[in-house]
Structures are given as C-alpha cells and as structure tokens.
C-alpha cells in the first residue's frame, strides 16, 4: 500500500511540472507575438500621430503669439488666428471667441467649414441670455469650463439652451472661459457635430488659446491706455510750452502779475485789437545822441542796460504796460490791458518816482563825464491797442493821438521836467502840485496845447 501511494505521488509531480512548463511556454509565445513586427508598427504609428499633433499644436500657439506681437493695437487679428487654428486642430468643428459687453455676449471671431454655420452661430451668441441656465452664461458667470460630450445628455442646469443647440444640428460643446485674474471677460468655444469628449491635451490646448486671447486683450488695453497717457502728456507739454511762450511774450511788455493774470484766464482776448481810454507816458534821455556818437558802443550799451533796469523796476511797481523800448526812449501805457482806477494819477506817480531814480543815475553818469538829462511827457485819451508784428516777434502797441501827444510833450520837456496835458491835469490836480509852462504847438496836433509841469505830489497825498 505504501509503495503504490509513493508511486502515485511521483506521477502527480511529473504532471504538475509538465503543466507549469506549458504555461511558461505559452507566456513566452504571447510575449513573442506582442513584439512582432505588426505590434511595433502600431506603436510607431501611434507615436508618430501624437508627435504630429504635438507639432501642430506647437505651431498653432507659435503662430498666435506671432500675431499678438505683430498686432499690439488690434485684437481682431489675434481672435481670427485663434479660431482658424482651432478649425485646423478640431476638424469639422465650429470654433468661436466671444466677449462680454455688460450683460450681453457677442461673437468676436467665428470659424467653421460652412459659412452659413458661422453666421447662424453669430446670431445664436448674440441672442444668448447671460444666465446660468444657458451653457455660455454658466461658463461666464461661474468662471468654469463647460464640457458636454453630448448635449442630448446635458445636465439639467443647461436645459434652457440645450434644445436650441440640438435643433441646430450640434451635439457636443466645450466652453473655456477667458480669465483676466478672477474675472471672465470672454469665452472660447468648440462646437462639434458628433458627440464625444475632448482629450486632456485638447483641453490644455484650449486653455492656452484662451490665455493667448486674454494676453492680446490686455496688451491692447495697456497699449491704448499708454497711448492715451502719452497723448495727454504730449498735450500737457505742448500746453505748458505754449504757456511759457505766451508768458514770455506777455512779460516783454506787461508786468509779471498782469502777464500771469492773462495766462491764467486762458485767453488773450485782451490783447486783440480794441479801443480803450488810456494814459500814455513817454520818457527819454537828453543829450543821448551826442553821447552815443562820442562814446564807445560798449559804454553806450552799458549805460542803456543800467537805465532800462532802473526804470523797468518802476514800471512793474506801478503796473504799467511797456509799449516799447526805442533806444533811450521808453513808452508806457496805463489802463490796458488791465484796468487801473485812475490811470493818469498812476502815470504821474510813476513819473515822480522815475525822476528820483533817474536823478541818482545822472549824478553817477556826470562823475563818469557823461552830461545827460531826461524829460517825461504824459497824455490821456483814446487809442487803438493790440498786438502787432509777425510770427515769432510781436509787440503790444497803442495807436492814436494820445501816443503822439505824450511823445511830443516829452520832446518839449526841459531836463527834469514832467509835462502833462490838460486832460491829465483834470485827473490829478487834487493830488499833485503843478506849474503852467504855456502853450506848445506840437507836431501833428492842429491846435496849440496848454501844458503843465508836475513839481511834487501834494501834501494831502503824502
């Protein structure tokens, strides 16, 4: 009994070994079959297809980036490039870029094999309510990807728009929100006629396209803002340069405070030709012609600079308008372009101040051997005033008899005299002490004119 049992055990062991060897051989055969030429060809084809798709996707993104760099001020070429690239990568699909404008969604770019389908989609998008029970509204408002492989089985959330979608012959849709920070500013959609999901690589590609669209929008927005800021800056610089030029022109014949007032008003209407009652003062040096003929030009220029500097301060002090410098002759007007309460008195007070200042200068000049004096004439009346000249060189002029009278009185004045007309006397007789000097027949004036010399300011004024 024991021997038979032992023999039977050996037979069973041999059978088990045989079965094990058969299984191992079968596995080797399977492995050899799997590494057959046909299997290798299948793997190569798959890898080649994936490599080709990767190249296509890389080329599409590179092309869009190139369009972005070449269209910094216009997003439309970028949107067009995105939908055209999507059309190549998703054959037979409709690809669209839509932007949000307030509570509406408008298609910015659409591409599809059939032009009629493009127009129908534009109309559909424009009529789509911005609401969460519509696929586009949900993607935009909730800032999430809506990926529905078969709209026939769409979630109940989107039942409002699903029926219209199916009626138009579409079956699948993927909507990628275009995010600017935490804000969804648009949508990138891929609409297919046949049901089926997109791969993870295809979804990743749509994210890249959406990001590129946002980059284009932001680039354009920032560049436009920069352009506007630059234009505003240029305008400010232009305005400031113009203001500086205006200020420079005005300060040539107006006191600084008057020039500032006119510039601040933003208009120079006061300087346009107009009629105005003014007081004109004319002052020049006696003996200057002989001095200039016998002196070196440098000495003449030095004396004029000193003389002009001294009376220039006084003109500003009394808010006079410098009409012109003519060598040693200076003409100043009052009551224009800025009104003065009593222009005649203002002119006479300035003349008295000038007499003191110029008197001090004459003492200095006499020590240098220069025998010079001065005379002043003042008249009051109407004149036509305004800027005259040409571009780059304008002066403010007073044209009329009053200017001529002031100049002629100055010519008649003896050294140190301040001669005034009767109209000036009427305006200042309570404030100054004068003496009559008789009648003068002035050149260009038909009738002789009574003339008065101002001696001092009256005690009551002082």
Protein backbone atom coordinates (compact mmCIF):
# COMPACT_ATOMS: atom_id res chain seq x y z
CA UNK A 1 0.00 0.00 0.00
CA UNK A 2 2.70 2.48 0.87
CA UNK A 3 4.65 1.75 -2.30
CA UNK A 4 1.68 2.33 -4.60
CA UNK A 5 0.95 5.56 -2.81
CA UNK A 6 4.52 6.73 -3.28
CA UNK A 7 4.49 5.87 -6.96
CA UNK A 8 1.25 7.76 -7.48
CA UNK A 9 2.79 10.86 -5.88
CA UNK A 10 5.63 10.79 -8.37
CA UNK A 11 3.20 10.62 -11.27
CA UNK A 12 1.28 13.63 -9.95
CA UNK A 13 4.51 15.61 -9.53
CA UNK A 14 5.52 14.91 -13.14
CA UNK A 15 2.09 16.05 -14.40
CA UNK A 16 2.33 19.32 -12.38
CA UNK A 17 5.79 20.01 -13.79
CA UNK A 18 4.54 19.42 -17.31
CA UNK A 19 1.61 21.86 -16.88
CA UNK A 20 3.94 24.53 -15.42
CA UNK A 21 6.29 24.24 -18.39
CA UNK A 22 3.35 24.53 -20.82
CA UNK A 23 2.13 27.70 -19.12
CA UNK A 24 5.61 29.24 -19.27
CA UNK A 25 5.92 28.38 -22.92
CA UNK A 26 2.51 29.88 -23.59
CA UNK A 27 3.54 33.17 -21.87
CA UNK A 28 6.76 33.32 -23.91
CA UNK A 29 4.76 32.74 -27.05
CA UNK A 30 2.40 35.59 -26.14
CA UNK A 31 5.36 37.89 -25.43
CA UNK A 32 6.97 36.94 -28.72
CA UNK A 33 3.69 37.64 -30.52
CA UNK A 34 3.32 41.03 -28.83
CA UNK A 35 6.78 42.06 -30.01
CA UNK A 36 6.01 41.02 -33.53
CA UNK A 37 6.51 43.48 -36.46
CA UNK A 38 2.77 44.21 -36.58
CA UNK A 39 2.72 45.36 -32.92
CA UNK A 40 5.78 47.53 -33.40
CA UNK A 41 4.19 49.19 -36.43
CA UNK A 42 1.08 50.01 -34.39
CA UNK A 43 3.17 51.68 -31.66
CA UNK A 44 5.20 53.66 -34.20
CA UNK A 45 2.03 54.88 -35.91
CA UNK A 46 0.58 55.97 -32.60
CA UNK A 47 3.73 57.78 -31.55
CA UNK A 48 4.02 59.43 -34.97
CA UNK A 49 0.42 60.61 -34.74
CA UNK A 50 0.97 62.03 -31.26
CA UNK A 51 4.18 63.71 -32.38
CA UNK A 52 2.43 65.21 -35.39
CA UNK A 53 -0.40 66.50 -33.22
CA UNK A 54 2.11 68.00 -30.80
CA UNK A 55 3.88 69.76 -33.65
CA UNK A 56 0.58 71.09 -34.98
CA UNK A 57 -0.42 72.40 -31.56
CA UNK A 58 3.00 73.98 -31.02
CA UNK A 59 2.87 75.58 -34.47
CA UNK A 60 -0.63 76.93 -33.75
CA UNK A 61 0.37 78.53 -30.46
CA UNK A 62 3.55 79.94 -32.02
CA UNK A 63 1.54 81.43 -34.88
CA UNK A 64 -0.88 83.09 -32.46
CA UNK A 65 1.99 84.51 -30.43
CA UNK A 66 3.47 85.89 -33.62
CA UNK A 67 0.15 87.56 -34.47
CA UNK A 68 -0.01 89.01 -30.94
CA UNK A 69 3.45 90.55 -31.33
CA UNK A 70 2.59 91.97 -34.77
CA UNK A 71 -0.82 93.37 -33.73
CA UNK A 72 -0.19 95.23 -30.46
CA UNK A 73 -3.05 97.67 -31.00
CA UNK A 74 -5.67 95.36 -32.55
CA UNK A 75 -7.10 92.19 -31.02
CA UNK A 76 -9.13 91.13 -34.06
CA UNK A 77 -6.20 89.51 -35.95
CA UNK A 78 -5.43 87.50 -32.81
CA UNK A 79 -9.02 86.29 -32.43
CA UNK A 80 -9.11 85.36 -36.11
CA UNK A 81 -5.85 83.41 -35.80
CA UNK A 82 -7.18 81.53 -32.74
CA UNK A 83 -10.40 80.35 -34.42
CA UNK A 84 -8.58 79.43 -37.64
CA UNK A 85 -6.01 77.43 -35.70
CA UNK A 86 -8.82 75.76 -33.76
CA UNK A 87 -10.50 74.85 -37.03
CA UNK A 88 -7.35 73.02 -38.14
CA UNK A 89 -6.90 71.21 -34.84
CA UNK A 90 -10.59 70.29 -34.45
CA UNK A 91 -11.63 69.26 -37.99
CA UNK A 92 -15.31 69.75 -38.73
CA UNK A 93 -15.90 71.77 -35.55
CA UNK A 94 -17.04 75.33 -35.13
CA UNK A 95 -14.63 77.48 -33.10
CA UNK A 96 -15.57 80.88 -31.71
CA UNK A 97 -14.24 83.63 -29.48
CA UNK A 98 -16.95 85.64 -27.72
CA UNK A 99 -16.54 88.68 -25.48
CA UNK A 100 -18.68 90.02 -22.72
CA UNK A 101 -20.08 93.54 -23.07
CA UNK A 102 -22.04 94.36 -19.95
CA UNK A 103 -24.97 91.90 -19.87
CA UNK A 104 -24.52 90.65 -23.42
CA UNK A 105 -22.22 88.24 -25.22
CA UNK A 106 -21.03 88.99 -28.76
CA UNK A 107 -19.01 86.81 -31.09
CA UNK A 108 -15.66 88.45 -31.86
CA UNK A 109 -14.48 85.73 -34.26
CA UNK A 110 -16.03 82.51 -35.61
CA UNK A 111 -14.63 79.83 -37.92
CA UNK A 112 -16.42 76.78 -39.34
CA UNK A 113 -16.28 74.72 -42.56
CA UNK A 114 -19.66 76.12 -43.62
CA UNK A 115 -20.01 79.96 -43.85
CA UNK A 116 -23.76 79.67 -43.21
CA UNK A 117 -22.99 77.96 -39.94
CA UNK A 118 -20.74 80.88 -38.96
CA UNK A 119 -23.50 83.44 -39.45
CA UNK A 120 -26.04 81.28 -37.64
CA UNK A 121 -23.68 80.95 -34.69
CA UNK A 122 -23.07 84.71 -34.51
CA UNK A 123 -26.82 85.22 -34.34
CA UNK A 124 -27.18 82.49 -31.69
CA UNK A 125 -24.49 84.00 -29.48
CA UNK A 126 -25.95 87.50 -29.73
CA UNK A 127 -29.34 86.15 -28.60
CA UNK A 128 -27.99 84.01 -25.75
CA UNK A 129 -29.05 85.44 -22.38
CA UNK A 130 -26.31 85.98 -19.81
CA UNK A 131 -27.88 83.49 -17.40
CA UNK A 132 -26.63 80.41 -15.59
CA UNK A 133 -29.22 78.07 -17.17
CA UNK A 134 -27.53 78.65 -20.54
CA UNK A 135 -24.23 76.97 -21.26
CA UNK A 136 -22.34 80.13 -22.23
CA UNK A 137 -23.89 82.14 -19.43
CA UNK A 138 -22.97 79.47 -16.88
CA UNK A 139 -19.37 79.32 -18.08
CA UNK A 140 -19.03 83.09 -17.97
CA UNK A 141 -20.82 83.82 -14.71
CA UNK A 142 -19.43 80.85 -12.79
CA UNK A 143 -15.98 81.21 -14.39
CA UNK A 144 -15.73 77.50 -15.12
CA UNK A 145 -15.17 75.15 -18.02
CA UNK A 146 -18.36 73.73 -19.51
CA UNK A 147 -17.51 70.47 -21.29
CA UNK A 148 -20.50 68.47 -22.52
CA UNK A 149 -19.60 65.45 -24.73
CA UNK A 150 -23.27 65.01 -25.70
CA UNK A 151 -25.72 67.83 -25.23
CA UNK A 152 -28.57 65.33 -25.54
CA UNK A 153 -27.49 64.22 -22.07
CA UNK A 154 -26.69 67.75 -20.84
CA UNK A 155 -27.08 68.48 -17.13
CA UNK A 156 -30.45 69.81 -16.06
CA UNK A 157 -28.75 73.18 -15.30
CA UNK A 158 -28.48 73.86 -19.04
CA UNK A 159 -31.83 72.62 -20.22
CA UNK A 160 -32.82 76.14 -21.33
CA UNK A 161 -30.21 76.26 -24.09
CA UNK A 162 -29.72 72.58 -24.84
CA UNK A 163 -32.79 72.14 -27.07
CA UNK A 164 -31.89 75.05 -29.35
CA UNK A 165 -28.37 73.71 -29.54
CA UNK A 166 -29.54 70.26 -30.66
CA UNK A 167 -32.03 71.73 -33.12
CA UNK A 168 -29.18 73.44 -34.99
CA UNK A 169 -27.50 70.07 -35.56
CA UNK A 170 -24.83 70.33 -32.90
CA UNK A 171 -24.15 67.55 -30.38
CA UNK A 172 -21.07 68.41 -28.28
CA UNK A 173 -19.58 71.60 -26.92
CA UNK A 174 -16.62 72.70 -24.84
CA UNK A 175 -16.57 76.26 -23.48
CA UNK A 176 -13.36 77.65 -21.99
CA UNK A 177 -13.66 80.93 -20.02
CA UNK A 178 -11.07 83.61 -20.83
CA UNK A 179 -9.86 84.70 -17.41
CA UNK A 180 -8.28 88.05 -16.55
CA UNK A 181 -7.38 87.49 -12.94
CA UNK A 182 -10.65 86.50 -11.23
CA UNK A 183 -12.81 87.96 -13.99
CA UNK A 184 -14.15 86.06 -17.01
CA UNK A 185 -14.03 88.52 -19.91
CA UNK A 186 -14.88 86.14 -22.72
CA UNK A 187 -15.36 82.58 -23.92
CA UNK A 188 -13.57 80.23 -26.31
CA UNK A 189 -15.97 77.56 -27.65
CA UNK A 190 -15.51 74.40 -29.71
CA UNK A 191 -18.80 73.06 -31.09
CA UNK A 192 -18.91 69.57 -32.68
CA UNK A 193 -21.48 67.82 -34.84
CA UNK A 194 -20.70 64.41 -33.39
CA UNK A 195 -20.81 63.54 -29.69
CA UNK A 196 -17.63 62.73 -27.84
CA UNK A 197 -15.29 64.21 -25.22
CA UNK A 198 -12.11 66.15 -25.81
CA UNK A 199 -8.84 64.69 -24.59
CA UNK A 200 -6.90 66.25 -21.74
CA UNK A 201 -4.34 67.52 -24.26
CA UNK A 202 -7.06 69.19 -26.31
CA UNK A 203 -8.48 70.86 -23.18
CA UNK A 204 -4.99 72.03 -22.30
CA UNK A 205 -4.64 73.50 -25.79
CA UNK A 206 -7.93 75.40 -25.39
CA UNK A 207 -6.65 76.83 -22.11
CA UNK A 208 -3.56 78.05 -23.94
CA UNK A 209 -5.68 79.63 -26.69
CA UNK A 210 -7.89 81.33 -24.08
CA UNK A 211 -4.83 82.64 -22.25
CA UNK A 212 -3.40 83.99 -25.52
CA UNK A 213 -6.66 85.78 -26.26
CA UNK A 214 -6.52 87.43 -22.83
CA UNK A 215 -2.87 88.42 -23.41
CA UNK A 216 -3.88 90.10 -26.67
CA UNK A 217 -6.75 91.94 -24.97
CA UNK A 218 -4.55 93.10 -22.10
CA UNK A 219 -1.72 94.13 -24.43
CA UNK A 220 -4.12 96.20 -26.49
CA UNK A 221 -5.77 97.71 -23.43
CA UNK A 222 -2.45 98.62 -21.81
CA UNK A 223 -1.02 99.96 -25.04
CA UNK A 224 -4.14 102.03 -25.67
CA UNK A 225 -4.00 103.37 -22.12
CA UNK A 226 -0.32 104.12 -22.58
CA UNK A 227 -1.04 105.81 -25.89
CA UNK A 228 -3.76 107.92 -24.30
CA UNK A 229 -1.49 108.82 -21.38
CA UNK A 230 1.30 109.63 -23.81
CA UNK A 231 -1.03 111.82 -25.86
CA UNK A 232 -2.21 113.55 -22.70
CA UNK A 233 1.39 114.06 -21.63
CA UNK A 234 2.31 115.41 -25.06
CA UNK A 235 -0.67 117.75 -24.92
CA UNK A 236 0.31 118.89 -21.42
CA UNK A 237 3.87 119.53 -22.56
CA UNK A 238 2.57 121.36 -25.62
CA UNK A 239 0.23 123.42 -23.47
CA UNK A 240 2.99 124.19 -20.99
CA UNK A 241 5.40 125.15 -23.76
CA UNK A 242 2.68 127.33 -25.28
CA UNK A 243 2.00 128.85 -21.87
CA UNK A 244 5.70 129.53 -21.35
CA UNK A 245 5.90 131.12 -24.79
CA UNK A 246 2.80 133.20 -24.07
CA UNK A 247 4.20 134.17 -20.70
CA UNK A 248 7.48 135.14 -22.33
CA UNK A 249 5.71 137.27 -24.93
CA UNK A 250 3.46 138.93 -22.36
CA UNK A 251 6.26 139.64 -19.91
CA UNK A 252 8.06 141.56 -22.62
CA UNK A 253 5.54 144.39 -22.27
CA UNK A 254 3.40 143.57 -19.22
CA UNK A 255 4.17 143.44 -15.51
CA UNK A 256 4.62 139.83 -14.32
CA UNK A 257 1.43 139.88 -12.27
CA UNK A 258 -0.56 141.11 -15.28
CA UNK A 259 1.01 138.51 -17.56
CA UNK A 260 0.17 135.79 -15.02
CA UNK A 261 -3.42 137.01 -14.86
CA UNK A 262 -3.86 136.85 -18.63
CA UNK A 263 -2.26 133.40 -18.89
CA UNK A 264 -4.41 132.10 -16.02
CA UNK A 265 -7.54 133.32 -17.81
CA UNK A 266 -6.68 131.00 -20.70
CA UNK A 267 -7.33 133.64 -23.33
CA UNK A 268 -5.53 136.60 -24.84
CA UNK A 269 -8.63 138.43 -25.98
CA UNK A 270 -7.42 141.42 -24.01
CA UNK A 271 -4.55 141.66 -26.47
CA UNK A 272 -6.70 141.68 -29.60
CA UNK A 273 -7.24 144.97 -31.40
CA UNK A 274 -9.64 147.17 -29.44
CA UNK A 275 -10.42 150.77 -28.48
CA UNK A 276 -9.61 151.95 -24.97
CA UNK A 277 -9.12 155.13 -22.93
CA UNK A 278 -5.55 155.15 -21.67
CA UNK A 279 -2.80 157.32 -20.20
CA UNK A 280 0.46 157.28 -22.14
CA UNK A 281 3.87 158.19 -20.68
CA UNK A 282 6.93 158.84 -22.82
CA UNK A 283 10.42 159.27 -21.38
CA UNK A 284 13.85 159.72 -22.98
CA UNK A 285 17.32 160.98 -22.16
CA UNK A 286 18.54 164.45 -23.07
CA UNK A 287 21.95 164.55 -24.79
CA UNK A 288 21.90 160.82 -25.56
CA UNK A 289 22.50 161.26 -29.31
CA UNK A 290 25.70 163.22 -28.71
CA UNK A 291 26.79 160.77 -26.02
CA UNK A 292 26.31 157.76 -28.32
CA UNK A 293 28.27 159.46 -31.13
CA UNK A 294 31.27 160.25 -28.93
CA UNK A 295 31.37 157.12 -26.75
CA UNK A 296 32.40 153.55 -27.35
CA UNK A 297 29.47 151.23 -28.22
CA UNK A 298 30.23 149.14 -25.11
CA UNK A 299 29.80 152.22 -22.89
CA UNK A 300 26.55 153.12 -24.64
CA UNK A 301 25.15 149.61 -24.16
CA UNK A 302 26.24 149.51 -20.51
CA UNK A 303 24.52 152.83 -19.81
CA UNK A 304 21.31 151.75 -21.56
CA UNK A 305 21.21 148.49 -19.61
CA UNK A 306 21.55 150.38 -16.34
CA UNK A 307 18.92 152.90 -17.37
CA UNK A 308 16.43 150.29 -18.58
CA UNK A 309 16.94 148.12 -15.50
CA UNK A 310 16.17 151.06 -13.21
CA UNK A 311 13.02 152.23 -14.95
CA UNK A 312 11.91 148.63 -15.62
CA UNK A 313 11.54 148.02 -11.89
CA UNK A 314 9.47 151.17 -11.56
CA UNK A 315 7.20 150.20 -14.48
CA UNK A 316 6.46 146.88 -12.79
CA UNK A 317 5.93 148.59 -9.44
CA UNK A 318 3.19 150.82 -10.89
CA UNK A 319 1.58 148.09 -13.06
CA UNK A 320 2.38 149.90 -16.28
CA UNK A 321 2.30 148.23 -19.69
CA UNK A 322 5.56 148.64 -21.55
CA UNK A 323 4.59 149.67 -25.06
CA UNK A 324 8.13 149.80 -26.44
CA UNK A 325 11.82 150.43 -25.87
CA UNK A 326 13.39 152.58 -28.57
CA UNK A 327 16.99 153.18 -27.57
CA UNK A 328 16.78 155.72 -24.78
CA UNK A 329 13.07 156.29 -25.44
CA UNK A 330 10.53 154.36 -23.39
CA UNK A 331 6.75 154.43 -23.73
CA UNK A 332 4.45 153.09 -21.01
CA UNK A 333 0.64 152.95 -21.03
CA UNK A 334 -1.88 152.57 -18.21
CA UNK A 335 -5.42 151.16 -18.08
CA UNK A 336 -4.80 148.48 -20.69
CA UNK A 337 -4.92 145.54 -21.00
CA UNK A 338 -5.73 145.50 -17.27
CA UNK A 339 -7.92 148.39 -16.00
CA UNK A 340 -6.49 150.87 -13.49
CA UNK A 341 -8.77 153.02 -11.23
CA UNK A 342 -7.03 156.32 -12.09
CA UNK A 343 -4.54 155.72 -14.90
CA UNK A 344 -3.49 159.38 -15.15
CA UNK A 345 -2.58 159.54 -11.45
CA UNK A 346 -0.78 156.20 -11.73
CA UNK A 347 1.31 157.55 -14.60
CA UNK A 348 2.15 160.80 -12.77
CA UNK A 349 3.15 158.94 -9.59
CA UNK A 350 5.40 156.70 -11.64
CA UNK A 351 6.95 159.73 -13.35
CA UNK A 352 7.75 161.27 -9.94
CA UNK A 353 9.39 158.03 -8.84
CA UNK A 354 11.35 157.87 -12.11
CA UNK A 355 12.58 161.42 -11.59
CA UNK A 356 14.17 160.42 -8.30
CA UNK A 357 15.72 157.24 -9.69
CA UNK A 358 16.99 158.75 -12.94
CA UNK A 359 18.29 161.78 -11.00
CA UNK A 360 20.50 159.45 -8.96
CA UNK A 361 21.77 157.79 -12.13
CA UNK A 362 22.59 161.16 -13.72
CA UNK A 363 24.82 162.05 -10.78
CA UNK A 364 26.74 158.83 -11.35
CA UNK A 365 26.96 159.45 -15.09
CA UNK A 366 28.23 163.02 -14.54
CA UNK A 367 31.10 161.64 -12.44
CA UNK A 368 31.92 159.45 -15.43
CA UNK A 369 31.90 162.50 -17.66
CA UNK A 370 28.52 161.90 -19.30
CA UNK A 371 26.35 165.03 -19.49
CA UNK A 372 22.84 163.60 -19.74
CA UNK A 373 19.38 164.65 -18.65
CA UNK A 374 15.84 163.34 -19.01
CA UNK A 375 12.35 164.51 -19.91
CA UNK A 376 8.90 162.98 -19.47
CA UNK A 377 5.59 163.65 -21.27
CA UNK A 378 2.18 162.33 -20.20
CA UNK A 379 -1.11 162.46 -22.14
CA UNK A 380 -4.58 160.97 -21.70
CA UNK A 381 -7.11 159.90 -24.36
CA UNK A 382 -8.43 157.12 -26.54
CA UNK A 383 -6.25 154.79 -28.60
CA UNK A 384 -6.49 151.59 -30.57
CA UNK A 385 -4.47 148.87 -28.87
CA UNK A 386 -3.42 145.32 -29.70
CA UNK A 387 -0.53 143.10 -30.70
CA UNK A 388 1.36 143.95 -33.87
CA UNK A 389 4.26 142.24 -35.59
CA UNK A 390 4.81 138.82 -37.12
CA UNK A 391 5.16 135.20 -36.01
CA UNK A 392 7.98 134.98 -33.52
CA UNK A 393 8.06 138.74 -32.90
CA UNK A 394 5.01 140.51 -31.52
CA UNK A 395 4.72 143.77 -29.60
CA UNK A 396 1.83 145.45 -27.87
CA UNK A 397 1.13 148.84 -29.41
CA UNK A 398 -1.09 151.86 -28.76
CA UNK A 399 -2.02 153.69 -31.95
CA UNK A 400 -3.61 157.15 -31.72
CA UNK A 401 -3.20 160.82 -30.96
CA UNK A 402 -2.62 160.20 -27.26
CA UNK A 403 0.64 158.41 -28.01
CA UNK A 404 1.79 161.20 -30.28
CA UNK A 405 0.95 163.88 -27.70
CA UNK A 406 2.92 162.07 -24.97
CA UNK A 407 5.91 161.78 -27.30
CA UNK A 408 5.73 165.46 -28.37
CA UNK A 409 5.42 166.64 -24.74
CA UNK A 410 8.49 164.61 -23.91
CA UNK A 411 10.35 166.33 -26.75
CA UNK A 412 9.35 169.77 -25.36
CA UNK A 413 10.29 168.92 -21.77
CA UNK A 414 13.42 170.51 -20.40
CA UNK A 415 15.79 168.27 -18.39
CA UNK A 416 13.98 167.11 -15.26
CA UNK A 417 10.51 168.25 -16.34
CA UNK A 418 7.34 166.12 -16.32
CA UNK A 419 4.96 167.74 -18.81
CA UNK A 420 1.28 166.78 -18.74
CA UNK A 421 -1.70 167.57 -20.96
CA UNK A 422 -4.87 169.36 -19.74
CA UNK A 423 -6.80 166.08 -19.56
CA UNK A 424 -4.15 164.60 -17.30
CA UNK A 425 -4.26 167.69 -15.11
CA UNK A 426 -8.03 167.32 -14.65
CA UNK A 427 -7.49 163.80 -13.31
CA UNK A 428 -4.62 164.58 -10.91
CA UNK A 429 -4.91 168.26 -9.88
CA UNK A 430 -6.06 167.34 -6.36
CA UNK A 431 -3.11 165.04 -5.86
CA UNK A 432 -0.10 166.89 -7.27
CA UNK A 433 1.38 170.37 -7.45
CA UNK A 434 1.91 171.68 -10.96
CA UNK A 435 3.03 174.83 -12.72
CA UNK A 436 1.85 176.04 -16.12
CA UNK A 437 4.55 176.23 -18.77
CA UNK A 438 2.47 177.82 -21.53
CA UNK A 439 1.13 176.66 -24.86
CA UNK A 440 3.05 174.44 -27.24
CA UNK A 441 2.40 173.86 -30.90
CA UNK A 442 3.01 170.17 -31.13
CA UNK A 443 3.89 168.45 -34.36
CA UNK A 444 0.84 166.65 -35.77
CA UNK A 445 -1.54 168.50 -33.42
CA UNK A 446 -3.62 171.25 -35.07
CA UNK A 447 -4.16 173.49 -32.07
CA UNK A 448 -1.66 174.75 -29.51
CA UNK A 449 -1.88 172.87 -26.22
CA UNK A 450 -1.67 174.24 -22.68
CA UNK A 451 0.98 172.29 -20.82
CA UNK A 452 1.84 171.85 -17.15
CA UNK A 453 4.94 170.71 -15.33
CA UNK A 454 4.47 168.42 -12.32
CA UNK A 455 6.50 169.62 -9.39
CA UNK A 456 5.65 167.33 -6.49
CA UNK A 457 2.92 165.20 -5.01
CA UNK A 458 0.56 167.40 -2.96
CA UNK A 459 0.90 167.31 0.85
CA UNK A 460 -2.62 165.88 1.20
CA UNK A 461 -1.50 162.86 -0.88
CA UNK A 462 1.53 162.36 1.14
